[in-house]
Amino acid sequence: MYRFLFSSKWLGYLLLAAIFASACVFLGRWQMDRRAETLAEINRVVTNYSATPIPFADAREQFDELDPAMEWTQVELRGTYLTDGQRVVRNRPLNGQPGYEVVVPFRLDSGETVVIDRGWLPIGNNNPGAPDSVPEPPAGDVTAVVRLKHPEPELQRGAPEGQLASIDLAAYSGQLGYPLLTGAYGQLASETPPAAEMPFPFPKPSTEEGTHLSYSLQWFAFGVLMFVGFGYAARQQARNAAIDAEDDDGTAEGAPRPAGGEHRRRPSPPRKRKKATSEEEEDALLDAQGY
């Protein structure tokens, strides 16, 4: 009944269905992986973002290589800003508005130097390609609370003097001419004493899960529906073949099929009249003929 499934045409249909379903499974799993990454980021934000700051001594190794679980952890730093090394980082949109971020080296009391990202500035109106002004950090001894962030990769593009294409700490250190701790940088949360003017503070990262779960379920459903559609098409083909076979069995080979699928009854041939054998029958025939 289903032998047609082994034909080249139907095997081709099955192969296409399998390829489509495999693609759907791949996309569904990719969305699930994205969801897992998002949930891990949400957990880090919820756990670390507003936790009590820890001293630099307890977080020293994170500035050599940041543990992903420690991202957004608040660390208290004591030292002075090295304003000669201040830079602005290009192409930093915030809430859909183009702008920059301000990074400044911070010399710790221990003699080591880290990088602090002090905030965001809008694109300039009076000076194209740069902010109109960059607020100065406080002078002298400063206590800064920062949130740990991973350094960024080097971008294969240049930047004007006084600017960076990304927060690539190794490249930044090469510009400055003195060593930086390159395993992490700090995103400013607060500083004491406060500066007279500050860049815009960074907003708290989103803790919304997004639509990754619903998208993954949709892709898995599409893969299943492809095989459901293939099975339905095969069942319809088998039913049509069965109907054709029944019609062929009830109709003479080469004869036209009666309308409505019903078989008409053949009319009976006319009966032959018997030959009269008796004299009475002969007389009756002569009378009938007028003799």
C-alpha atoms as a PDB file:
ATOM      1  CA  MET A   1       0.000   0.000   0.000  1.00  0.00           C
ATOM      2  CA  TYR A   2       2.844   2.350   0.833  1.00  0.00           C
ATOM      3  CA  ARG A   3       5.370   0.924  -1.602  1.00  0.00           C
ATOM      4  CA  PHE A   4       5.398   4.253  -3.444  1.00  0.00           C
ATOM      5  CA  LEU A   5       7.399   5.677  -0.530  1.00  0.00           C
ATOM      6  CA  PHE A   6      10.433   3.826  -1.899  1.00  0.00           C
ATOM      7  CA  SER A   7      10.199   5.609  -5.236  1.00  0.00           C
ATOM      8  CA  SER A   8      12.872   8.176  -6.086  1.00  0.00           C
ATOM      9  CA  LYS A   9      10.315  10.999  -5.964  1.00  0.00           C
ATOM     10  CA  TRP A  10       9.093  10.227  -2.460  1.00  0.00           C
ATOM     11  CA  LEU A  11      12.588   9.487  -1.181  1.00  0.00           C
ATOM     12  CA  GLY A  12      13.523  12.948  -2.448  1.00  0.00           C
ATOM     13  CA  TYR A  13      10.586  14.446  -0.551  1.00  0.00           C
ATOM     14  CA  LEU A  14      11.702  12.624   2.592  1.00  0.00           C
ATOM     15  CA  LEU A  15      15.259  13.910   2.193  1.00  0.00           C
ATOM     16  CA  LEU A  16      14.026  17.494   1.841  1.00  0.00           C
ATOM     17  CA  ALA A  17      11.858  17.086   4.944  1.00  0.00           C
ATOM     18  CA  ALA A  18      14.834  15.726   6.905  1.00  0.00           C
ATOM     19  CA  ILE A  19      17.078  18.616   5.799  1.00  0.00           C
ATOM     20  CA  PHE A  20      14.439  21.195   6.722  1.00  0.00           C
ATOM     21  CA  ALA A  21      13.800  19.551  10.123  1.00  0.00           C
ATOM     22  CA  SER A  22      17.552  19.388  10.843  1.00  0.00           C
ATOM     23  CA  ALA A  23      17.872  23.098  10.103  1.00  0.00           C
ATOM     24  CA  CYS A  24      14.960  23.813  12.440  1.00  0.00           C
ATOM     25  CA  VAL A  25      16.568  21.761  15.221  1.00  0.00           C
ATOM     26  CA  PHE A  26      19.873  23.600  14.723  1.00  0.00           C
ATOM     27  CA  LEU A  27      18.180  27.006  14.934  1.00  0.00           C
ATOM     28  CA  GLY A  28      16.138  25.906  17.951  1.00  0.00           C
ATOM     29  CA  ARG A  29      19.247  24.747  19.814  1.00  0.00           C
ATOM     30  CA  TRP A  30      21.045  27.974  18.868  1.00  0.00           C
ATOM     31  CA  GLN A  31      18.217  29.954  20.445  1.00  0.00           C
ATOM     32  CA  MET A  32      18.424  27.751  23.543  1.00  0.00           C
ATOM     33  CA  ASP A  33      22.167  28.452  23.793  1.00  0.00           C
ATOM     34  CA  ARG A  34      21.477  32.168  23.472  1.00  0.00           C
ATOM     35  CA  ARG A  35      18.904  31.854  26.245  1.00  0.00           C
ATOM     36  CA  ALA A  36      21.427  30.075  28.488  1.00  0.00           C
ATOM     37  CA  GLU A  37      23.935  32.882  27.937  1.00  0.00           C
ATOM     38  CA  THR A  38      21.279  35.489  28.693  1.00  0.00           C
ATOM     39  CA  LEU A  39      20.235  33.722  31.899  1.00  0.00           C
ATOM     40  CA  ALA A  40      23.863  33.489  33.016  1.00  0.00           C
ATOM     41  CA  GLU A  41      24.312  37.225  32.394  1.00  0.00           C
ATOM     42  CA  ILE A  42      21.112  38.000  34.298  1.00  0.00           C
ATOM     43  CA  ASN A  43      22.339  35.894  37.215  1.00  0.00           C
ATOM     44  CA  ARG A  44      25.647  37.780  37.287  1.00  0.00           C
ATOM     45  CA  VAL A  45      23.884  41.139  37.250  1.00  0.00           C
ATOM     46  CA  VAL A  46      21.434  40.149  39.994  1.00  0.00           C
ATOM     47  CA  THR A  47      24.203  38.661  42.158  1.00  0.00           C
ATOM     48  CA  ASN A  48      27.042  41.172  41.678  1.00  0.00           C
ATOM     49  CA  TYR A  49      25.743  44.512  40.482  1.00  0.00           C
ATOM     50  CA  SER A  50      24.527  45.887  43.818  1.00  0.00           C
ATOM     51  CA  ALA A  51      26.579  43.719  46.173  1.00  0.00           C
ATOM     52  CA  THR A  52      28.857  45.298  48.801  1.00  0.00           C
ATOM     53  CA  PRO A  53      32.148  46.465  47.216  1.00  0.00           C
ATOM     54  CA  ILE A  54      35.206  44.359  47.956  1.00  0.00           C
ATOM     55  CA  PRO A  55      38.714  45.862  48.448  1.00  0.00           C
ATOM     56  CA  PHE A  56      41.194  45.830  45.592  1.00  0.00           C
ATOM     57  CA  ALA A  57      43.434  43.369  47.428  1.00  0.00           C
ATOM     58  CA  ASP A  58      40.661  40.750  47.295  1.00  0.00           C
ATOM     59  CA  ALA A  59      40.055  41.361  43.587  1.00  0.00           C
ATOM     60  CA  ARG A  60      43.681  41.777  42.462  1.00  0.00           C
ATOM     61  CA  GLU A  61      43.814  38.536  40.464  1.00  0.00           C
ATOM     62  CA  GLN A  62      40.674  39.533  38.527  1.00  0.00           C
ATOM     63  CA  PHE A  63      42.635  42.391  36.943  1.00  0.00           C
ATOM     64  CA  ASP A  64      45.023  39.788  35.522  1.00  0.00           C
ATOM     65  CA  GLU A  65      42.253  37.553  34.152  1.00  0.00           C
ATOM     66  CA  LEU A  66      38.612  38.224  34.926  1.00  0.00           C
ATOM     67  CA  ASP A  67      36.520  35.242  35.966  1.00  0.00           C
ATOM     68  CA  PRO A  68      33.211  35.498  34.046  1.00  0.00           C
ATOM     69  CA  ALA A  69      31.336  34.809  37.277  1.00  0.00           C
ATOM     70  CA  MET A  70      32.923  37.951  38.778  1.00  0.00           C
ATOM     71  CA  GLU A  71      31.761  40.348  36.061  1.00  0.00           C
ATOM     72  CA  TRP A  72      29.867  43.370  37.490  1.00  0.00           C
ATOM     73  CA  THR A  73      31.404  42.775  40.943  1.00  0.00           C
ATOM     74  CA  GLN A  74      31.954  46.085  42.753  1.00  0.00           C
ATOM     75  CA  VAL A  75      35.541  46.819  43.778  1.00  0.00           C
ATOM     76  CA  GLU A  76      36.838  49.748  45.853  1.00  0.00           C
ATOM     77  CA  LEU A  77      39.939  51.435  44.453  1.00  0.00           C
ATOM     78  CA  ARG A  78      42.141  54.110  46.057  1.00  0.00           C
ATOM     79  CA  GLY A  79      44.530  56.255  44.047  1.00  0.00           C
ATOM     80  CA  THR A  80      44.718  59.147  41.578  1.00  0.00           C
ATOM     81  CA  TYR A  81      43.544  59.729  38.021  1.00  0.00           C
ATOM     82  CA  LEU A  82      46.246  60.159  35.360  1.00  0.00           C
ATOM     83  CA  THR A  83      44.419  62.709  33.231  1.00  0.00           C
ATOM     84  CA  ASP A  84      47.199  62.898  30.638  1.00  0.00           C
ATOM     85  CA  GLY A  85      46.203  59.412  29.530  1.00  0.00           C
ATOM     86  CA  GLN A  86      42.489  60.163  29.208  1.00  0.00           C
ATOM     87  CA  ARG A  87      40.824  58.912  25.996  1.00  0.00           C
ATOM     88  CA  VAL A  88      37.330  58.776  24.506  1.00  0.00           C
ATOM     89  CA  VAL A  89      36.071  55.548  22.944  1.00  0.00           C
ATOM     90  CA  ARG A  90      34.246  55.931  19.634  1.00  0.00           C
ATOM     91  CA  ASN A  91      30.924  54.491  18.436  1.00  0.00           C
ATOM     92  CA  ARG A  92      29.211  54.025  21.789  1.00  0.00           C
ATOM     93  CA  PRO A  93      25.435  54.424  21.287  1.00  0.00           C
ATOM     94  CA  LEU A  94      23.200  54.725  24.337  1.00  0.00           C
ATOM     95  CA  ASN A  95      19.416  54.457  24.077  1.00  0.00           C
ATOM     96  CA  GLY A  96      19.706  54.854  20.325  1.00  0.00           C
ATOM     97  CA  GLN A  97      21.822  58.034  20.510  1.00  0.00           C
ATOM     98  CA  PRO A  98      25.413  58.030  19.178  1.00  0.00           C
ATOM     99  CA  GLY A  99      28.178  59.003  21.554  1.00  0.00           C
ATOM    100  CA  TYR A 100      31.417  58.163  23.344  1.00  0.00           C
ATOM    101  CA  GLU A 101      32.741  56.696  26.574  1.00  0.00           C
ATOM    102  CA  VAL A 102      35.481  58.312  28.657  1.00  0.00           C
ATOM    103  CA  VAL A 103      38.334  56.101  29.922  1.00  0.00           C
ATOM    104  CA  VAL A 104      41.075  57.289  32.254  1.00  0.00           C
ATOM    105  CA  PRO A 105      44.081  55.455  33.761  1.00  0.00           C
ATOM    106  CA  PHE A 106      43.921  55.232  37.562  1.00  0.00           C
ATOM    107  CA  ARG A 107      47.188  54.857  39.515  1.00  0.00           C
ATOM    108  CA  LEU A 108      46.536  52.809  42.659  1.00  0.00           C
ATOM    109  CA  ASP A 109      48.243  53.367  45.995  1.00  0.00           C
ATOM    110  CA  SER A 110      50.055  50.076  45.326  1.00  0.00           C
ATOM    111  CA  GLY A 111      51.709  51.633  42.243  1.00  0.00           C
ATOM    112  CA  GLU A 112      49.736  49.551  39.744  1.00  0.00           C
ATOM    113  CA  THR A 113      47.514  51.179  37.139  1.00  0.00           C
ATOM    114  CA  VAL A 114      44.027  50.161  36.080  1.00  0.00           C
ATOM    115  CA  VAL A 115      41.563  51.732  33.639  1.00  0.00           C
ATOM    116  CA  ILE A 116      38.280  53.302  34.718  1.00  0.00           C
ATOM    117  CA  ASP A 117      35.421  53.974  32.314  1.00  0.00           C
ATOM    118  CA  ARG A 118      33.835  57.085  33.819  1.00  0.00           C
ATOM    119  CA  GLY A 119      30.655  57.297  31.724  1.00  0.00           C
ATOM    120  CA  TRP A 120      29.012  58.281  28.454  1.00  0.00           C
ATOM    121  CA  LEU A 121      29.024  61.514  26.443  1.00  0.00           C
ATOM    122  CA  PRO A 122      26.796  62.460  23.499  1.00  0.00           C
ATOM    123  CA  ILE A 123      28.232  63.200  20.091  1.00  0.00           C
ATOM    124  CA  GLY A 124      29.347  66.827  19.729  1.00  0.00           C
ATOM    125  CA  ASN A 125      27.355  69.558  18.034  1.00  0.00           C
ATOM    126  CA  ASN A 126      30.222  72.048  17.752  1.00  0.00           C
ATOM    127  CA  ASN A 127      33.071  69.632  17.063  1.00  0.00           C
ATOM    128  CA  PRO A 128      32.137  66.858  14.613  1.00  0.00           C
ATOM    129  CA  GLY A 129      33.777  63.535  15.388  1.00  0.00           C
ATOM    130  CA  ALA A 130      34.314  64.317  19.074  1.00  0.00           C
ATOM    131  CA  PRO A 131      32.301  65.330  22.150  1.00  0.00           C
ATOM    132  CA  ASP A 132      31.930  69.044  22.732  1.00  0.00           C
ATOM    133  CA  SER A 133      33.671  68.742  26.107  1.00  0.00           C
ATOM    134  CA  VAL A 134      35.022  66.002  28.379  1.00  0.00           C
ATOM    135  CA  PRO A 135      34.465  66.481  32.136  1.00  0.00           C
ATOM    136  CA  GLU A 136      37.654  66.348  34.180  1.00  0.00           C
ATOM    137  CA  PRO A 137      37.943  63.708  36.916  1.00  0.00           C
ATOM    138  CA  PRO A 138      38.592  64.872  40.494  1.00  0.00           C
ATOM    139  CA  ALA A 139      42.174  65.730  41.276  1.00  0.00           C
ATOM    140  CA  GLY A 140      44.287  64.268  44.087  1.00  0.00           C
ATOM    141  CA  ASP A 141      43.484  61.168  46.083  1.00  0.00           C
ATOM    142  CA  VAL A 142      40.243  59.547  45.032  1.00  0.00           C
ATOM    143  CA  THR A 143      38.249  56.574  46.278  1.00  0.00           C
ATOM    144  CA  ALA A 144      36.414  55.021  43.341  1.00  0.00           C
ATOM    145  CA  VAL A 145      33.951  52.158  43.339  1.00  0.00           C
ATOM    146  CA  VAL A 146      33.941  50.370  39.988  1.00  0.00           C
ATOM    147  CA  ARG A 147      32.238  47.325  38.469  1.00  0.00           C
ATOM    148  CA  LEU A 148      34.507  44.787  36.804  1.00  0.00           C
ATOM    149  CA  LYS A 149      34.241  44.399  33.032  1.00  0.00           C
ATOM    150  CA  HIS A 150      36.077  42.274  30.472  1.00  0.00           C
ATOM    151  CA  PRO A 151      38.445  44.094  28.113  1.00  0.00           C
ATOM    152  CA  GLU A 152      37.365  44.343  24.491  1.00  0.00           C
ATOM    153  CA  PRO A 153      39.089  42.884  21.446  1.00  0.00           C
ATOM    154  CA  GLU A 154      41.149  45.011  19.100  1.00  0.00           C
ATOM    155  CA  LEU A 155      39.224  46.378  16.134  1.00  0.00           C
ATOM    156  CA  GLN A 156      40.933  46.564  12.780  1.00  0.00           C
ATOM    157  CA  ARG A 157      40.240  50.246  12.341  1.00  0.00           C
ATOM    158  CA  GLY A 158      41.964  53.406  13.377  1.00  0.00           C
ATOM    159  CA  ALA A 159      40.848  56.304  15.567  1.00  0.00           C
ATOM    160  CA  PRO A 160      41.747  60.009  15.680  1.00  0.00           C
ATOM    161  CA  GLU A 161      44.283  61.232  18.185  1.00  0.00           C
ATOM    162  CA  GLY A 162      42.938  61.108  21.728  1.00  0.00           C
ATOM    163  CA  GLN A 163      40.398  58.436  20.852  1.00  0.00           C
ATOM    164  CA  LEU A 164      40.164  54.629  20.927  1.00  0.00           C
ATOM    165  CA  ALA A 165      38.262  52.305  18.631  1.00  0.00           C
ATOM    166  CA  SER A 166      37.621  49.867  21.517  1.00  0.00           C
ATOM    167  CA  ILE A 167      38.637  49.295  25.124  1.00  0.00           C
ATOM    168  CA  ASP A 168      41.546  47.091  24.137  1.00  0.00           C
ATOM    169  CA  LEU A 169      43.704  47.425  27.226  1.00  0.00           C
ATOM    170  CA  ALA A 170      46.890  46.043  25.669  1.00  0.00           C
ATOM    171  CA  ALA A 171      46.717  48.521  22.778  1.00  0.00           C
ATOM    172  CA  TYR A 172      45.827  51.314  25.210  1.00  0.00           C
ATOM    173  CA  SER A 173      48.872  50.485  27.311  1.00  0.00           C
ATOM    174  CA  GLY A 174      51.035  50.657  24.200  1.00  0.00           C
ATOM    175  CA  GLN A 175      49.788  54.181  23.524  1.00  0.00           C
ATOM    176  CA  LEU A 176      50.452  55.332  27.077  1.00  0.00           C
ATOM    177  CA  GLY A 177      53.958  53.967  27.319  1.00  0.00           C
ATOM    178  CA  TYR A 178      53.497  52.441  30.777  1.00  0.00           C
ATOM    179  CA  PRO A 179      51.957  49.147  31.900  1.00  0.00           C
ATOM    180  CA  LEU A 180      48.298  48.640  32.705  1.00  0.00           C
ATOM    181  CA  LEU A 181      46.544  45.745  34.349  1.00  0.00           C
ATOM    182  CA  THR A 182      44.927  44.286  31.253  1.00  0.00           C
ATOM    183  CA  GLY A 183      42.707  41.472  32.571  1.00  0.00           C
ATOM    184  CA  ALA A 184      39.793  43.786  33.408  1.00  0.00           C
ATOM    185  CA  TYR A 185      38.773  47.405  33.638  1.00  0.00           C
ATOM    186  CA  GLY A 186      36.306  49.156  35.939  1.00  0.00           C
ATOM    187  CA  GLN A 187      33.026  50.802  35.009  1.00  0.00           C
ATOM    188  CA  LEU A 188      32.564  53.690  37.428  1.00  0.00           C
ATOM    189  CA  ALA A 189      29.799  53.385  40.012  1.00  0.00           C
ATOM    190  CA  SER A 190      30.816  56.257  42.342  1.00  0.00           C
ATOM    191  CA  GLU A 191      33.821  58.318  43.359  1.00  0.00           C
ATOM    192  CA  THR A 192      34.826  60.399  46.371  1.00  0.00           C
ATOM    193  CA  PRO A 193      35.314  63.333  46.257  1.00  0.00           C
ATOM    194  CA  PRO A 194      32.804  63.845  43.459  1.00  0.00           C
ATOM    195  CA  ALA A 195      33.782  65.680  40.287  1.00  0.00           C
ATOM    196  CA  ALA A 196      32.317  69.082  39.478  1.00  0.00           C
ATOM    197  CA  GLU A 197      30.867  67.675  36.274  1.00  0.00           C
ATOM    198  CA  MET A 198      30.273  64.054  35.380  1.00  0.00           C
ATOM    199  CA  PRO A 199      29.626  62.106  32.185  1.00  0.00           C
ATOM    200  CA  PHE A 200      26.243  60.376  32.013  1.00  0.00           C
ATOM    201  CA  PRO A 201      26.237  57.307  34.283  1.00  0.00           C
ATOM    202  CA  PHE A 202      25.730  53.873  32.765  1.00  0.00           C
ATOM    203  CA  PRO A 203      22.241  52.362  33.069  1.00  0.00           C
ATOM    204  CA  LYS A 204      21.800  49.064  34.857  1.00  0.00           C
ATOM    205  CA  PRO A 205      21.977  46.123  32.452  1.00  0.00           C
ATOM    206  CA  SER A 206      18.661  44.605  31.484  1.00  0.00           C
ATOM    207  CA  THR A 207      17.467  41.535  33.364  1.00  0.00           C
ATOM    208  CA  GLU A 208      14.779  40.636  30.828  1.00  0.00           C
ATOM    209  CA  GLU A 209      15.094  37.147  29.409  1.00  0.00           C
ATOM    210  CA  GLY A 210      13.854  38.108  25.954  1.00  0.00           C
ATOM    211  CA  THR A 211      12.215  35.891  23.350  1.00  0.00           C
ATOM    212  CA  HIS A 212      14.843  33.158  22.950  1.00  0.00           C
ATOM    213  CA  LEU A 213      12.649  30.456  24.531  1.00  0.00           C
ATOM    214  CA  SER A 214       9.603  31.175  22.381  1.00  0.00           C
ATOM    215  CA  TYR A 215      11.732  31.313  19.225  1.00  0.00           C
ATOM    216  CA  SER A 216      13.383  27.975  20.026  1.00  0.00           C
ATOM    217  CA  LEU A 217      10.012  26.290  20.605  1.00  0.00           C
ATOM    218  CA  GLN A 218       8.753  27.689  17.298  1.00  0.00           C
ATOM    219  CA  TRP A 219      11.713  26.241  15.405  1.00  0.00           C
ATOM    220  CA  PHE A 220      11.251  22.812  17.030  1.00  0.00           C
ATOM    221  CA  ALA A 221       7.545  22.923  16.150  1.00  0.00           C
ATOM    222  CA  PHE A 222       8.349  23.753  12.505  1.00  0.00           C
ATOM    223  CA  GLY A 223      10.614  20.700  12.325  1.00  0.00           C
ATOM    224  CA  VAL A 224       7.894  18.407  13.689  1.00  0.00           C
ATOM    225  CA  LEU A 225       5.224  19.899  11.413  1.00  0.00           C
ATOM    226  CA  MET A 226       7.373  19.152   8.374  1.00  0.00           C
ATOM    227  CA  PHE A 227       7.162  15.413   9.094  1.00  0.00           C
ATOM    228  CA  VAL A 228       3.471  15.694   9.940  1.00  0.00           C
ATOM    229  CA  GLY A 229       2.870  17.255   6.527  1.00  0.00           C
ATOM    230  CA  PHE A 230       4.940  14.533   4.833  1.00  0.00           C
ATOM    231  CA  GLY A 231       2.913  11.815   6.588  1.00  0.00           C
ATOM    232  CA  TYR A 232      -0.383  13.453   5.632  1.00  0.00           C
ATOM    233  CA  ALA A 233       0.669  13.674   1.979  1.00  0.00           C
ATOM    234  CA  ALA A 234       1.722  10.019   1.978  1.00  0.00           C
ATOM    235  CA  ARG A 235      -1.602   8.944   3.511  1.00  0.00           C
ATOM    236  CA  GLN A 236      -3.561  10.861   0.882  1.00  0.00           C
ATOM    237  CA  GLN A 237      -1.500   9.264  -1.873  1.00  0.00           C
ATOM    238  CA  ALA A 238      -2.172   5.805  -0.454  1.00  0.00           C
ATOM    239  CA  ARG A 239      -5.934   6.443  -0.207  1.00  0.00           C
ATOM    240  CA  ASN A 240      -6.103   7.666  -3.785  1.00  0.00           C
ATOM    241  CA  ALA A 241      -4.215   4.597  -4.973  1.00  0.00           C
ATOM    242  CA  ALA A 242      -6.631   2.321  -3.088  1.00  0.00           C
ATOM    243  CA  ILE A 243      -9.681   4.023  -4.645  1.00  0.00           C
ATOM    244  CA  ASP A 244      -8.195   3.641  -8.125  1.00  0.00           C
ATOM    245  CA  ALA A 245      -7.533  -0.046  -7.511  1.00  0.00           C
ATOM    246  CA  GLU A 246     -11.149  -0.682  -6.420  1.00  0.00           C
ATOM    247  CA  ASP A 247     -12.471   1.045  -9.565  1.00  0.00           C
ATOM    248  CA  ASP A 248     -10.216  -1.047 -11.797  1.00  0.00           C
ATOM    249  CA  ASP A 249     -11.416  -4.315 -10.200  1.00  0.00           C
ATOM    250  CA  GLY A 250     -15.132  -3.504 -10.791  1.00  0.00           C
ATOM    251  CA  THR A 251     -14.818  -2.431 -14.448  1.00  0.00           C
ATOM    252  CA  ALA A 252     -14.094  -4.638 -17.511  1.00  0.00           C
ATOM    253  CA  GLU A 253     -10.659  -4.018 -18.965  1.00  0.00           C
ATOM    254  CA  GLY A 254     -10.921  -1.437 -21.723  1.00  0.00           C
ATOM    255  CA  ALA A 255     -14.634  -0.720 -21.099  1.00  0.00           C
ATOM    256  CA  PRO A 256     -15.839   2.746 -20.220  1.00  0.00           C
ATOM    257  CA  ARG A 257     -16.721   3.241 -16.568  1.00  0.00           C
ATOM    258  CA  PRO A 258     -20.412   3.937 -15.867  1.00  0.00           C
ATOM    259  CA  ALA A 259     -21.251   7.316 -14.415  1.00  0.00           C
ATOM    260  CA  GLY A 260     -21.542   7.499 -10.644  1.00  0.00           C
ATOM    261  CA  GLY A 261     -19.311   4.478 -10.130  1.00  0.00           C
ATOM    262  CA  GLU A 262     -22.242   2.021 -10.378  1.00  0.00           C
ATOM    263  CA  HIS A 263     -22.358  -1.021 -12.679  1.00  0.00           C
ATOM    264  CA  ARG A 264     -25.386  -1.127 -15.011  1.00  0.00           C
ATOM    265  CA  ARG A 265     -27.307  -4.395 -15.512  1.00  0.00           C
ATOM    266  CA  ARG A 266     -27.214  -5.761 -19.035  1.00  0.00           C
ATOM    267  CA  PRO A 267     -30.672  -6.003 -20.716  1.00  0.00           C
ATOM    268  CA  SER A 268     -31.951  -9.519 -21.350  1.00  0.00           C
ATOM    269  CA  PRO A 269     -32.043 -10.562 -25.052  1.00  0.00           C
ATOM    270  CA  PRO A 270     -35.547 -10.971 -26.618  1.00  0.00           C
ATOM    271  CA  ARG A 271     -37.002 -14.439 -26.434  1.00  0.00           C
ATOM    272  CA  LYS A 272     -37.415 -16.359 -29.716  1.00  0.00           C
ATOM    273  CA  ARG A 273     -40.937 -17.391 -30.614  1.00  0.00           C
ATOM    274  CA  LYS A 274     -41.571 -21.136 -30.731  1.00  0.00           C
ATOM    275  CA  LYS A 275     -42.548 -22.708 -34.109  1.00  0.00           C
ATOM    276  CA  ALA A 276     -46.163 -23.881 -34.277  1.00  0.00           C
ATOM    277  CA  THR A 277     -46.398 -27.627 -34.632  1.00  0.00           C
ATOM    278  CA  SER A 278     -50.120 -28.441 -34.343  1.00  0.00           C
ATOM    279  CA  GLU A 279     -52.861 -28.010 -37.026  1.00  0.00           C
ATOM    280  CA  GLU A 280     -54.783 -25.620 -34.796  1.00  0.00           C
ATOM    281  CA  GLU A 281     -51.851 -23.353 -34.632  1.00  0.00           C
ATOM    282  CA  GLU A 282     -51.483 -23.432 -38.427  1.00  0.00           C
ATOM    283  CA  ASP A 283     -55.165 -22.549 -38.922  1.00  0.00           C
ATOM    284  CA  ALA A 284     -54.888 -19.701 -36.475  1.00  0.00           C
ATOM    285  CA  LEU A 285     -51.956 -18.352 -38.401  1.00  0.00           C
ATOM    286  CA  LEU A 286     -53.821 -18.566 -41.742  1.00  0.00           C
ATOM    287  CA  ASP A 287     -56.839 -16.782 -40.269  1.00  0.00           C
ATOM    288  CA  ALA A 288     -54.642 -14.070 -38.943  1.00  0.00           C
ATOM    289  CA  GLN A 289     -53.134 -13.598 -42.359  1.00  0.00           C
ATOM    290  CA  GLY A 290     -56.553 -13.417 -44.110  1.00  0.00           C
ATOM    291  CA  TYR A 291     -56.598 -16.703 -45.959  1.00  0.00           C
END
